[in-house]
């Protein structure tokens, strides 16, 4: 159990992690027990009701399909799907359908060096999701904990007969500070961002880009404090040295949290809750916000089509580089 909820606990070496299958398969905790570090923002006992009401800002929520869709409309292969408008102040649909529903625990266990859990979401024409997203598919999410940190493996298979859009992001919520005794001002953020998308008043991309500020340029190289200003920013990903990742360094201790997501994610979102110290969200995202409604080539927008029987999969890893 975790705060009264059914949970799967993973333990390996110095690390432990917790997954909540009934609340969107959210990996709600990733901890270094030897050092006392808590890398992800966890809901405290009195916060569980608010967490369930808005499960985007704790742990690693799964966004499928991710982010905002104008007027709740999703255009695909000549058809127009209508999603609920759940961001009424902007008239958008926000964050998809899988972050707050139960997933099946397919298997869990341990080996000599790892602890793992596999979670499964199977959607067919009887599933409530099908009403809005009329495709049948299997989504398997596997977390493996070891001395190398936390591996996340994502597997999506189109089990239907029609072409299916595959759009995904993780609203990963990182504690800042994650080291007891440090403050948010001790932290520097480095990310493999490229260009910043211009967003309109509804937080939808216009198709244009904005010049990067000096702090954003520094984010690509030497790092910058993640609360230098309010951020709800949409960037292209620009891998460095073959890797697409975030690095969050505690300059007081020298410890560094690495979030290596792989190059299949073509975009990043960064959200820091109006520059409120305590946590921020580096969000790897396959696709441009509102991609199905944008006149942008699929290769640029990240709008991936899975044909019948096809599979999309990717692995990411969270781990800590401890100071010598």
C-alpha atoms as a PDB file:
ATOM      1  CA  UNK A   1       0.000   0.000   0.000  1.00  0.00           C
ATOM      2  CA  UNK A   2       0.990   3.636  -0.528  1.00  0.00           C
ATOM      3  CA  UNK A   3      -1.025   6.311   1.280  1.00  0.00           C
ATOM      4  CA  UNK A   4      -3.994   3.911   1.275  1.00  0.00           C
ATOM      5  CA  UNK A   5      -3.681   3.013  -2.424  1.00  0.00           C
ATOM      6  CA  UNK A   6      -2.769  -0.356  -3.922  1.00  0.00           C
ATOM      7  CA  UNK A   7       0.905  -0.162  -4.886  1.00  0.00           C
ATOM      8  CA  UNK A   8       3.787  -2.185  -6.268  1.00  0.00           C
ATOM      9  CA  UNK A   9       7.065  -1.518  -4.446  1.00  0.00           C
ATOM     10  CA  UNK A  10      10.362  -2.078  -6.236  1.00  0.00           C
ATOM     11  CA  UNK A  11      13.631  -2.398  -4.301  1.00  0.00           C
ATOM     12  CA  UNK A  12      17.152  -2.943  -5.683  1.00  0.00           C
ATOM     13  CA  UNK A  13      20.421  -1.956  -4.032  1.00  0.00           C
ATOM     14  CA  UNK A  14      20.217   1.584  -2.700  1.00  0.00           C
ATOM     15  CA  UNK A  15      17.068   2.423  -4.665  1.00  0.00           C
ATOM     16  CA  UNK A  16      13.336   1.939  -4.230  1.00  0.00           C
ATOM     17  CA  UNK A  17      10.360   2.943  -6.366  1.00  0.00           C
ATOM     18  CA  UNK A  18       6.578   2.785  -6.079  1.00  0.00           C
ATOM     19  CA  UNK A  19       3.957   2.349  -8.827  1.00  0.00           C
ATOM     20  CA  UNK A  20       0.195   2.964  -8.435  1.00  0.00           C
ATOM     21  CA  UNK A  21      -1.575   0.699 -10.971  1.00  0.00           C
ATOM     22  CA  UNK A  22      -5.066   2.043 -10.239  1.00  0.00           C
ATOM     23  CA  UNK A  23      -4.055   5.683 -10.770  1.00  0.00           C
ATOM     24  CA  UNK A  24      -2.758   5.643 -14.311  1.00  0.00           C
ATOM     25  CA  UNK A  25       0.228   3.345 -13.645  1.00  0.00           C
ATOM     26  CA  UNK A  26       1.923   6.404 -12.152  1.00  0.00           C
ATOM     27  CA  UNK A  27       5.433   5.727 -10.843  1.00  0.00           C
ATOM     28  CA  UNK A  28       4.879   7.934  -7.849  1.00  0.00           C
ATOM     29  CA  UNK A  29       8.238   7.577  -6.086  1.00  0.00           C
ATOM     30  CA  UNK A  30      11.896   7.006  -6.941  1.00  0.00           C
ATOM     31  CA  UNK A  31      14.238   7.186  -3.981  1.00  0.00           C
ATOM     32  CA  UNK A  32      17.880   6.697  -3.037  1.00  0.00           C
ATOM     33  CA  UNK A  33      17.455   5.153   0.406  1.00  0.00           C
ATOM     34  CA  UNK A  34      21.152   5.292   1.340  1.00  0.00           C
ATOM     35  CA  UNK A  35      21.375   9.026   0.723  1.00  0.00           C
ATOM     36  CA  UNK A  36      17.793   9.902   1.695  1.00  0.00           C
ATOM     37  CA  UNK A  37      17.114  11.427  -1.738  1.00  0.00           C
ATOM     38  CA  UNK A  38      13.600  11.598  -3.184  1.00  0.00           C
ATOM     39  CA  UNK A  39      13.858  12.407  -6.868  1.00  0.00           C
ATOM     40  CA  UNK A  40      10.155  12.658  -7.740  1.00  0.00           C
ATOM     41  CA  UNK A  41       7.464  14.773  -6.143  1.00  0.00           C
ATOM     42  CA  UNK A  42       5.314  12.462  -4.040  1.00  0.00           C
ATOM     43  CA  UNK A  43       1.867  13.272  -2.650  1.00  0.00           C
ATOM     44  CA  UNK A  44       1.765  13.370   1.127  1.00  0.00           C
ATOM     45  CA  UNK A  45      -1.082  11.676   2.955  1.00  0.00           C
ATOM     46  CA  UNK A  46      -3.195  14.839   3.174  1.00  0.00           C
ATOM     47  CA  UNK A  47      -2.588  15.515  -0.562  1.00  0.00           C
ATOM     48  CA  UNK A  48      -3.990  12.249  -1.922  1.00  0.00           C
ATOM     49  CA  UNK A  49      -7.418  13.683  -2.760  1.00  0.00           C
ATOM     50  CA  UNK A  50      -5.927  16.614  -4.668  1.00  0.00           C
ATOM     51  CA  UNK A  51      -3.470  14.237  -6.365  1.00  0.00           C
ATOM     52  CA  UNK A  52      -6.338  12.057  -7.607  1.00  0.00           C
ATOM     53  CA  UNK A  53      -8.226  15.144  -8.798  1.00  0.00           C
ATOM     54  CA  UNK A  54      -5.197  16.448 -10.738  1.00  0.00           C
ATOM     55  CA  UNK A  55      -2.660  13.633 -11.156  1.00  0.00           C
ATOM     56  CA  UNK A  56      -0.306  15.619 -13.410  1.00  0.00           C
ATOM     57  CA  UNK A  57       2.058  17.096 -10.835  1.00  0.00           C
ATOM     58  CA  UNK A  58       3.313  14.077  -8.893  1.00  0.00           C
ATOM     59  CA  UNK A  59       5.455  11.149 -10.015  1.00  0.00           C
ATOM     60  CA  UNK A  60       5.517  10.208 -13.706  1.00  0.00           C
ATOM     61  CA  UNK A  61       2.015  10.558 -15.209  1.00  0.00           C
ATOM     62  CA  UNK A  62       1.419   8.982 -18.634  1.00  0.00           C
ATOM     63  CA  UNK A  63      -0.042  11.400 -21.195  1.00  0.00           C
ATOM     64  CA  UNK A  64      -1.688   9.643 -24.158  1.00  0.00           C
ATOM     65  CA  UNK A  65      -2.364  11.547 -26.330  1.00  0.00           C
ATOM     66  CA  UNK A  66      -0.420  14.378 -24.746  1.00  0.00           C
ATOM     67  CA  UNK A  67      -0.897  18.038 -24.096  1.00  0.00           C
ATOM     68  CA  UNK A  68      -3.436  20.337 -25.751  1.00  0.00           C
ATOM     69  CA  UNK A  69      -5.835  19.901 -28.681  1.00  0.00           C
ATOM     70  CA  UNK A  70      -7.650  22.941 -30.016  1.00  0.00           C
ATOM     71  CA  UNK A  71     -11.415  22.852 -29.277  1.00  0.00           C
ATOM     72  CA  UNK A  72     -10.921  19.233 -28.200  1.00  0.00           C
ATOM     73  CA  UNK A  73     -10.686  18.240 -31.876  1.00  0.00           C
ATOM     74  CA  UNK A  74      -8.253  15.637 -33.159  1.00  0.00           C
ATOM     75  CA  UNK A  75      -8.023  15.232 -36.933  1.00  0.00           C
ATOM     76  CA  UNK A  76      -6.735  11.968 -38.348  1.00  0.00           C
ATOM     77  CA  UNK A  77      -6.962  10.385 -41.806  1.00  0.00           C
ATOM     78  CA  UNK A  78      -9.893  12.520 -42.869  1.00  0.00           C
ATOM     79  CA  UNK A  79     -11.865  11.946 -39.667  1.00  0.00           C
ATOM     80  CA  UNK A  80     -12.356  14.359 -36.771  1.00  0.00           C
ATOM     81  CA  UNK A  81     -12.484  12.985 -33.248  1.00  0.00           C
ATOM     82  CA  UNK A  82     -14.069  15.064 -30.480  1.00  0.00           C
ATOM     83  CA  UNK A  83     -12.365  14.911 -27.094  1.00  0.00           C
ATOM     84  CA  UNK A  84     -13.843  16.474 -23.938  1.00  0.00           C
ATOM     85  CA  UNK A  85     -12.871  20.129 -23.480  1.00  0.00           C
ATOM     86  CA  UNK A  86     -11.354  19.807 -20.002  1.00  0.00           C
ATOM     87  CA  UNK A  87      -9.442  23.097 -20.095  1.00  0.00           C
ATOM     88  CA  UNK A  88     -12.487  25.373 -20.507  1.00  0.00           C
ATOM     89  CA  UNK A  89     -10.636  28.631 -19.900  1.00  0.00           C
ATOM     90  CA  UNK A  90      -8.658  27.979 -23.113  1.00  0.00           C
ATOM     91  CA  UNK A  91     -11.160  25.780 -24.937  1.00  0.00           C
ATOM     92  CA  UNK A  92      -8.775  22.818 -25.219  1.00  0.00           C
ATOM     93  CA  UNK A  93      -8.605  19.153 -24.399  1.00  0.00           C
ATOM     94  CA  UNK A  94      -5.628  18.544 -22.108  1.00  0.00           C
ATOM     95  CA  UNK A  95      -3.470  15.467 -21.380  1.00  0.00           C
ATOM     96  CA  UNK A  96      -5.406  12.533 -22.779  1.00  0.00           C
ATOM     97  CA  UNK A  97      -7.193   9.663 -21.096  1.00  0.00           C
ATOM     98  CA  UNK A  98      -4.835   7.187 -19.417  1.00  0.00           C
ATOM     99  CA  UNK A  99      -3.223   9.062 -16.508  1.00  0.00           C
ATOM    100  CA  UNK A 100      -6.082   8.481 -14.051  1.00  0.00           C
ATOM    101  CA  UNK A 101      -7.570   5.103 -15.013  1.00  0.00           C
ATOM    102  CA  UNK A 102      -6.658   1.612 -13.736  1.00  0.00           C
ATOM    103  CA  UNK A 103      -3.984  -0.411 -15.492  1.00  0.00           C
ATOM    104  CA  UNK A 104      -3.535  -4.156 -15.114  1.00  0.00           C
ATOM    105  CA  UNK A 105      -0.486  -5.488 -13.279  1.00  0.00           C
ATOM    106  CA  UNK A 106       0.743  -8.009 -15.836  1.00  0.00           C
ATOM    107  CA  UNK A 107       3.666  -9.304 -13.794  1.00  0.00           C
ATOM    108  CA  UNK A 108       6.160  -8.258 -11.134  1.00  0.00           C
ATOM    109  CA  UNK A 109       9.132  -9.847  -9.468  1.00  0.00           C
ATOM    110  CA  UNK A 110      12.821  -9.778  -8.699  1.00  0.00           C
ATOM    111  CA  UNK A 111      16.048 -11.218 -10.055  1.00  0.00           C
ATOM    112  CA  UNK A 112      19.474 -11.288  -8.446  1.00  0.00           C
ATOM    113  CA  UNK A 113      20.059  -7.672  -9.483  1.00  0.00           C
ATOM    114  CA  UNK A 114      16.687  -6.134 -10.412  1.00  0.00           C
ATOM    115  CA  UNK A 115      13.126  -5.518  -9.284  1.00  0.00           C
ATOM    116  CA  UNK A 116      10.476  -5.016 -11.956  1.00  0.00           C
ATOM    117  CA  UNK A 117       6.801  -4.540 -12.746  1.00  0.00           C
ATOM    118  CA  UNK A 118       4.947  -4.703 -16.067  1.00  0.00           C
ATOM    119  CA  UNK A 119       1.671  -2.773 -16.390  1.00  0.00           C
ATOM    120  CA  UNK A 120      -0.805  -3.262 -19.202  1.00  0.00           C
ATOM    121  CA  UNK A 121      -3.563  -1.220 -20.798  1.00  0.00           C
ATOM    122  CA  UNK A 122      -5.596  -3.074 -23.429  1.00  0.00           C
ATOM    123  CA  UNK A 123      -8.142  -0.996 -25.328  1.00  0.00           C
ATOM    124  CA  UNK A 124     -10.808  -2.572 -27.546  1.00  0.00           C
ATOM    125  CA  UNK A 125     -14.207  -1.385 -28.768  1.00  0.00           C
ATOM    126  CA  UNK A 126     -15.749  -2.045 -25.322  1.00  0.00           C
ATOM    127  CA  UNK A 127     -13.285   0.158 -23.453  1.00  0.00           C
ATOM    128  CA  UNK A 128     -14.523   3.651 -22.409  1.00  0.00           C
ATOM    129  CA  UNK A 129     -11.528   5.195 -24.202  1.00  0.00           C
ATOM    130  CA  UNK A 130     -12.721   3.856 -27.545  1.00  0.00           C
ATOM    131  CA  UNK A 131     -15.631   6.314 -27.625  1.00  0.00           C
ATOM    132  CA  UNK A 132     -13.175   9.210 -28.036  1.00  0.00           C
ATOM    133  CA  UNK A 133     -10.180   7.428 -29.564  1.00  0.00           C
ATOM    134  CA  UNK A 134     -11.618   4.694 -31.838  1.00  0.00           C
ATOM    135  CA  UNK A 135      -8.575   2.457 -32.057  1.00  0.00           C
ATOM    136  CA  UNK A 136      -7.695  -0.848 -30.455  1.00  0.00           C
ATOM    137  CA  UNK A 137      -4.220  -1.096 -29.009  1.00  0.00           C
ATOM    138  CA  UNK A 138      -2.014  -2.530 -26.289  1.00  0.00           C
ATOM    139  CA  UNK A 139       0.095  -0.247 -24.119  1.00  0.00           C
ATOM    140  CA  UNK A 140       2.675  -2.000 -21.939  1.00  0.00           C
ATOM    141  CA  UNK A 141       4.739  -0.018 -19.435  1.00  0.00           C
ATOM    142  CA  UNK A 142       7.603  -1.803 -17.704  1.00  0.00           C
ATOM    143  CA  UNK A 143       9.700  -0.362 -14.892  1.00  0.00           C
ATOM    144  CA  UNK A 144      12.941  -2.058 -13.852  1.00  0.00           C
ATOM    145  CA  UNK A 145      14.963  -0.953 -10.841  1.00  0.00           C
ATOM    146  CA  UNK A 146      18.620  -1.864 -10.415  1.00  0.00           C
ATOM    147  CA  UNK A 147      21.915  -0.408  -9.230  1.00  0.00           C
ATOM    148  CA  UNK A 148      21.839   1.522 -12.539  1.00  0.00           C
ATOM    149  CA  UNK A 149      18.712   3.403 -11.451  1.00  0.00           C
ATOM    150  CA  UNK A 150      15.222   3.240 -12.939  1.00  0.00           C
ATOM    151  CA  UNK A 151      14.539   2.047 -16.474  1.00  0.00           C
ATOM    152  CA  UNK A 152      11.203   2.803 -18.140  1.00  0.00           C
ATOM    153  CA  UNK A 153      10.282   0.725 -21.183  1.00  0.00           C
ATOM    154  CA  UNK A 154       7.286   1.786 -23.267  1.00  0.00           C
ATOM    155  CA  UNK A 155       5.640  -0.599 -25.757  1.00  0.00           C
ATOM    156  CA  UNK A 156       2.587   0.294 -27.880  1.00  0.00           C
ATOM    157  CA  UNK A 157       1.074  -2.081 -30.452  1.00  0.00           C
ATOM    158  CA  UNK A 158      -1.776  -1.267 -32.838  1.00  0.00           C
ATOM    159  CA  UNK A 159      -4.068  -4.302 -32.533  1.00  0.00           C
ATOM    160  CA  UNK A 160      -6.715  -2.876 -34.875  1.00  0.00           C
ATOM    161  CA  UNK A 161      -7.112  -2.992 -38.636  1.00  0.00           C
ATOM    162  CA  UNK A 162      -6.809   0.769 -39.267  1.00  0.00           C
ATOM    163  CA  UNK A 163      -3.861   3.147 -39.076  1.00  0.00           C
ATOM    164  CA  UNK A 164      -3.556   4.606 -35.571  1.00  0.00           C
ATOM    165  CA  UNK A 165      -1.897   7.833 -34.371  1.00  0.00           C
ATOM    166  CA  UNK A 166       0.711   7.233 -31.684  1.00  0.00           C
ATOM    167  CA  UNK A 167       1.287  10.316 -29.520  1.00  0.00           C
ATOM    168  CA  UNK A 168       2.842  10.179 -26.062  1.00  0.00           C
ATOM    169  CA  UNK A 169       4.495  12.213 -23.322  1.00  0.00           C
ATOM    170  CA  UNK A 170       5.423  11.825 -19.664  1.00  0.00           C
ATOM    171  CA  UNK A 171       4.650  14.669 -17.240  1.00  0.00           C
ATOM    172  CA  UNK A 172       7.670  13.778 -15.099  1.00  0.00           C
ATOM    173  CA  UNK A 173       7.710  15.797 -11.864  1.00  0.00           C
ATOM    174  CA  UNK A 174      11.164  16.293 -10.340  1.00  0.00           C
ATOM    175  CA  UNK A 175      11.828  17.451  -6.802  1.00  0.00           C
ATOM    176  CA  UNK A 176      14.055  20.529  -6.603  1.00  0.00           C
ATOM    177  CA  UNK A 177      15.755  20.122  -4.208  1.00  0.00           C
ATOM    178  CA  UNK A 178      16.018  16.335  -4.106  1.00  0.00           C
ATOM    179  CA  UNK A 179      18.864  16.441  -1.564  1.00  0.00           C
ATOM    180  CA  UNK A 180      17.887  17.052   2.096  1.00  0.00           C
ATOM    181  CA  UNK A 181      19.485  20.248   3.377  1.00  0.00           C
ATOM    182  CA  UNK A 182      19.794  21.837  -0.070  1.00  0.00           C
ATOM    183  CA  UNK A 183      17.608  24.598  -1.466  1.00  0.00           C
ATOM    184  CA  UNK A 184      16.219  25.188  -4.953  1.00  0.00           C
ATOM    185  CA  UNK A 185      18.824  27.919  -5.473  1.00  0.00           C
ATOM    186  CA  UNK A 186      21.551  25.228  -5.263  1.00  0.00           C
ATOM    187  CA  UNK A 187      20.336  23.612  -8.495  1.00  0.00           C
ATOM    188  CA  UNK A 188      21.321  23.906 -12.130  1.00  0.00           C
ATOM    189  CA  UNK A 189      19.341  22.467 -15.014  1.00  0.00           C
ATOM    190  CA  UNK A 190      20.813  21.354 -18.302  1.00  0.00           C
ATOM    191  CA  UNK A 191      18.603  20.001 -21.121  1.00  0.00           C
ATOM    192  CA  UNK A 192      19.021  19.068 -24.751  1.00  0.00           C
ATOM    193  CA  UNK A 193      16.579  21.657 -26.033  1.00  0.00           C
ATOM    194  CA  UNK A 194      16.730  23.120 -29.520  1.00  0.00           C
ATOM    195  CA  UNK A 195      14.334  25.854 -30.666  1.00  0.00           C
ATOM    196  CA  UNK A 196      11.458  27.323 -28.678  1.00  0.00           C
ATOM    197  CA  UNK A 197       7.996  27.235 -30.208  1.00  0.00           C
ATOM    198  CA  UNK A 198       5.881  30.365 -30.185  1.00  0.00           C
ATOM    199  CA  UNK A 199       2.571  29.760 -28.389  1.00  0.00           C
ATOM    200  CA  UNK A 200      -0.661  31.751 -28.671  1.00  0.00           C
ATOM    201  CA  UNK A 201      -2.949  32.846 -25.834  1.00  0.00           C
ATOM    202  CA  UNK A 202      -4.486  29.335 -25.771  1.00  0.00           C
ATOM    203  CA  UNK A 203      -1.033  27.766 -25.315  1.00  0.00           C
ATOM    204  CA  UNK A 204      -1.157  26.280 -28.824  1.00  0.00           C
ATOM    205  CA  UNK A 205       1.795  26.603 -31.217  1.00  0.00           C
ATOM    206  CA  UNK A 206       1.513  29.201 -33.964  1.00  0.00           C
ATOM    207  CA  UNK A 207       4.034  27.440 -36.213  1.00  0.00           C
ATOM    208  CA  UNK A 208       6.677  30.114 -35.597  1.00  0.00           C
ATOM    209  CA  UNK A 209       9.703  30.050 -33.295  1.00  0.00           C
ATOM    210  CA  UNK A 210      10.936  32.504 -30.674  1.00  0.00           C
ATOM    211  CA  UNK A 211      14.543  33.548 -30.045  1.00  0.00           C
ATOM    212  CA  UNK A 212      16.059  31.874 -27.012  1.00  0.00           C
ATOM    213  CA  UNK A 213      16.853  34.007 -23.990  1.00  0.00           C
ATOM    214  CA  UNK A 214      20.417  33.922 -22.583  1.00  0.00           C
ATOM    215  CA  UNK A 215      19.204  31.650 -19.780  1.00  0.00           C
ATOM    216  CA  UNK A 216      17.750  29.209 -22.297  1.00  0.00           C
ATOM    217  CA  UNK A 217      21.017  29.171 -24.214  1.00  0.00           C
ATOM    218  CA  UNK A 218      22.773  28.457 -20.915  1.00  0.00           C
ATOM    219  CA  UNK A 219      20.337  25.579 -20.305  1.00  0.00           C
ATOM    220  CA  UNK A 220      21.913  23.825 -23.305  1.00  0.00           C
ATOM    221  CA  UNK A 221      25.497  24.183 -22.029  1.00  0.00           C
ATOM    222  CA  UNK A 222      26.516  25.200 -18.512  1.00  0.00           C
ATOM    223  CA  UNK A 223      23.046  24.968 -16.961  1.00  0.00           C
ATOM    224  CA  UNK A 224      20.681  27.436 -15.330  1.00  0.00           C
ATOM    225  CA  UNK A 225      18.489  27.500 -12.253  1.00  0.00           C
ATOM    226  CA  UNK A 226      15.153  25.881 -13.232  1.00  0.00           C
ATOM    227  CA  UNK A 227      13.214  28.736 -11.582  1.00  0.00           C
ATOM    228  CA  UNK A 228      14.911  31.672 -13.326  1.00  0.00           C
ATOM    229  CA  UNK A 229      11.466  32.668 -14.640  1.00  0.00           C
ATOM    230  CA  UNK A 230       8.006  31.162 -15.099  1.00  0.00           C
ATOM    231  CA  UNK A 231       8.172  28.458 -17.768  1.00  0.00           C
ATOM    232  CA  UNK A 232       5.444  26.663 -19.672  1.00  0.00           C
ATOM    233  CA  UNK A 233       7.652  26.299 -22.725  1.00  0.00           C
ATOM    234  CA  UNK A 234       7.602  24.044 -25.778  1.00  0.00           C
ATOM    235  CA  UNK A 235      10.966  23.171 -27.384  1.00  0.00           C
ATOM    236  CA  UNK A 236      12.269  20.958 -30.113  1.00  0.00           C
ATOM    237  CA  UNK A 237      14.702  18.334 -28.872  1.00  0.00           C
ATOM    238  CA  UNK A 238      18.315  18.681 -29.968  1.00  0.00           C
ATOM    239  CA  UNK A 239      20.301  15.639 -28.800  1.00  0.00           C
ATOM    240  CA  UNK A 240      23.906  16.156 -27.736  1.00  0.00           C
ATOM    241  CA  UNK A 241      26.536  13.442 -28.027  1.00  0.00           C
ATOM    242  CA  UNK A 242      23.816  11.098 -29.287  1.00  0.00           C
ATOM    243  CA  UNK A 243      21.648  11.521 -26.192  1.00  0.00           C
ATOM    244  CA  UNK A 244      18.459  13.390 -25.386  1.00  0.00           C
ATOM    245  CA  UNK A 245      18.342  14.156 -21.699  1.00  0.00           C
ATOM    246  CA  UNK A 246      17.937  16.375 -18.685  1.00  0.00           C
ATOM    247  CA  UNK A 247      20.624  16.834 -16.042  1.00  0.00           C
ATOM    248  CA  UNK A 248      19.760  18.394 -12.684  1.00  0.00           C
ATOM    249  CA  UNK A 249      22.817  19.110 -10.542  1.00  0.00           C
ATOM    250  CA  UNK A 250      22.916  19.943  -6.850  1.00  0.00           C
ATOM    251  CA  UNK A 251      25.845  22.374  -6.840  1.00  0.00           C
ATOM    252  CA  UNK A 252      26.189  22.102  -3.045  1.00  0.00           C
ATOM    253  CA  UNK A 253      26.850  18.340  -3.045  1.00  0.00           C
ATOM    254  CA  UNK A 254      27.812  17.743  -6.678  1.00  0.00           C
ATOM    255  CA  UNK A 255      25.175  15.018  -7.107  1.00  0.00           C
ATOM    256  CA  UNK A 256      23.441  14.920 -10.488  1.00  0.00           C
ATOM    257  CA  UNK A 257      20.094  13.419 -11.508  1.00  0.00           C
ATOM    258  CA  UNK A 258      20.098  12.276 -15.151  1.00  0.00           C
ATOM    259  CA  UNK A 259      16.906  11.700 -17.132  1.00  0.00           C
ATOM    260  CA  UNK A 260      17.908  10.129 -20.454  1.00  0.00           C
ATOM    261  CA  UNK A 261      14.795   9.668 -22.586  1.00  0.00           C
ATOM    262  CA  UNK A 262      16.174   8.587 -25.964  1.00  0.00           C
ATOM    263  CA  UNK A 263      16.018  10.285 -29.331  1.00  0.00           C
ATOM    264  CA  UNK A 264      12.520   9.080 -30.284  1.00  0.00           C
ATOM    265  CA  UNK A 265      11.118  12.024 -28.344  1.00  0.00           C
ATOM    266  CA  UNK A 266      11.333  14.979 -30.730  1.00  0.00           C
ATOM    267  CA  UNK A 267      10.074  17.624 -28.301  1.00  0.00           C
ATOM    268  CA  UNK A 268      10.379  18.810 -24.701  1.00  0.00           C
ATOM    269  CA  UNK A 269       7.941  20.697 -22.530  1.00  0.00           C
ATOM    270  CA  UNK A 270       9.264  22.479 -19.449  1.00  0.00           C
ATOM    271  CA  UNK A 271       6.778  23.597 -16.802  1.00  0.00           C
ATOM    272  CA  UNK A 272       7.812  25.028 -13.439  1.00  0.00           C
ATOM    273  CA  UNK A 273       4.498  26.036 -11.867  1.00  0.00           C
ATOM    274  CA  UNK A 274       5.017  29.799 -12.339  1.00  0.00           C
ATOM    275  CA  UNK A 275       8.609  29.531 -11.066  1.00  0.00           C
ATOM    276  CA  UNK A 276       7.421  28.169  -7.705  1.00  0.00           C
ATOM    277  CA  UNK A 277      10.391  26.467  -6.079  1.00  0.00           C
ATOM    278  CA  UNK A 278      10.002  22.853  -5.034  1.00  0.00           C
ATOM    279  CA  UNK A 279       9.474  20.964  -8.289  1.00  0.00           C
ATOM    280  CA  UNK A 280       9.387  21.335 -12.049  1.00  0.00           C
ATOM    281  CA  UNK A 281       8.416  19.097 -14.968  1.00  0.00           C
ATOM    282  CA  UNK A 282      10.849  18.203 -17.772  1.00  0.00           C
ATOM    283  CA  UNK A 283       8.417  16.449 -20.121  1.00  0.00           C
ATOM    284  CA  UNK A 284       9.660  14.320 -23.021  1.00  0.00           C
ATOM    285  CA  UNK A 285       7.062  14.442 -25.782  1.00  0.00           C
ATOM    286  CA  UNK A 286       6.880  12.577 -29.071  1.00  0.00           C
ATOM    287  CA  UNK A 287       4.850  15.194 -30.837  1.00  0.00           C
ATOM    288  CA  UNK A 288       4.284  18.886 -31.266  1.00  0.00           C
ATOM    289  CA  UNK A 289       1.377  20.225 -29.218  1.00  0.00           C
ATOM    290  CA  UNK A 290      -1.867  20.102 -31.280  1.00  0.00           C
ATOM    291  CA  UNK A 291       0.055  18.225 -33.991  1.00  0.00           C
ATOM    292  CA  UNK A 292      -2.946  16.606 -35.766  1.00  0.00           C
ATOM    293  CA  UNK A 293      -4.418  20.058 -36.346  1.00  0.00           C
ATOM    294  CA  UNK A 294      -1.201  21.670 -37.613  1.00  0.00           C
ATOM    295  CA  UNK A 295      -0.107  21.906 -41.239  1.00  0.00           C
ATOM    296  CA  UNK A 296       3.403  20.660 -40.490  1.00  0.00           C
ATOM    297  CA  UNK A 297       5.148  17.589 -41.965  1.00  0.00           C
ATOM    298  CA  UNK A 298       4.825  14.510 -39.759  1.00  0.00           C
ATOM    299  CA  UNK A 299       8.599  14.129 -39.507  1.00  0.00           C
ATOM    300  CA  UNK A 300       8.806  17.575 -37.912  1.00  0.00           C
ATOM    301  CA  UNK A 301       5.648  17.381 -35.818  1.00  0.00           C
ATOM    302  CA  UNK A 302       6.325  13.868 -34.518  1.00  0.00           C
ATOM    303  CA  UNK A 303       2.860  12.673 -35.526  1.00  0.00           C
ATOM    304  CA  UNK A 304       3.579   8.954 -35.756  1.00  0.00           C
ATOM    305  CA  UNK A 305       1.280   6.507 -37.557  1.00  0.00           C
ATOM    306  CA  UNK A 306       1.166   2.869 -36.483  1.00  0.00           C
ATOM    307  CA  UNK A 307      -0.263   0.562 -39.127  1.00  0.00           C
ATOM    308  CA  UNK A 308      -2.128  -2.589 -38.161  1.00  0.00           C
ATOM    309  CA  UNK A 309       0.080  -4.829 -36.020  1.00  0.00           C
ATOM    310  CA  UNK A 310       2.949  -2.354 -35.820  1.00  0.00           C
ATOM    311  CA  UNK A 311       4.850  -1.565 -32.622  1.00  0.00           C
ATOM    312  CA  UNK A 312       6.413   1.601 -31.228  1.00  0.00           C
ATOM    313  CA  UNK A 313       8.738   1.255 -28.271  1.00  0.00           C
ATOM    314  CA  UNK A 314      11.360   3.256 -26.446  1.00  0.00           C
ATOM    315  CA  UNK A 315      13.383   3.098 -23.234  1.00  0.00           C
ATOM    316  CA  UNK A 316      14.266   5.898 -20.831  1.00  0.00           C
ATOM    317  CA  UNK A 317      16.294   5.946 -17.631  1.00  0.00           C
ATOM    318  CA  UNK A 318      16.508   7.996 -14.444  1.00  0.00           C
ATOM    319  CA  UNK A 319      19.706   7.631 -12.439  1.00  0.00           C
ATOM    320  CA  UNK A 320      21.905   9.565 -10.072  1.00  0.00           C
ATOM    321  CA  UNK A 321      25.580  10.380 -10.558  1.00  0.00           C
ATOM    322  CA  UNK A 322      26.899  10.714  -7.032  1.00  0.00           C
ATOM    323  CA  UNK A 323      29.746  13.108  -6.365  1.00  0.00           C
ATOM    324  CA  UNK A 324      33.051  11.405  -5.703  1.00  0.00           C
END
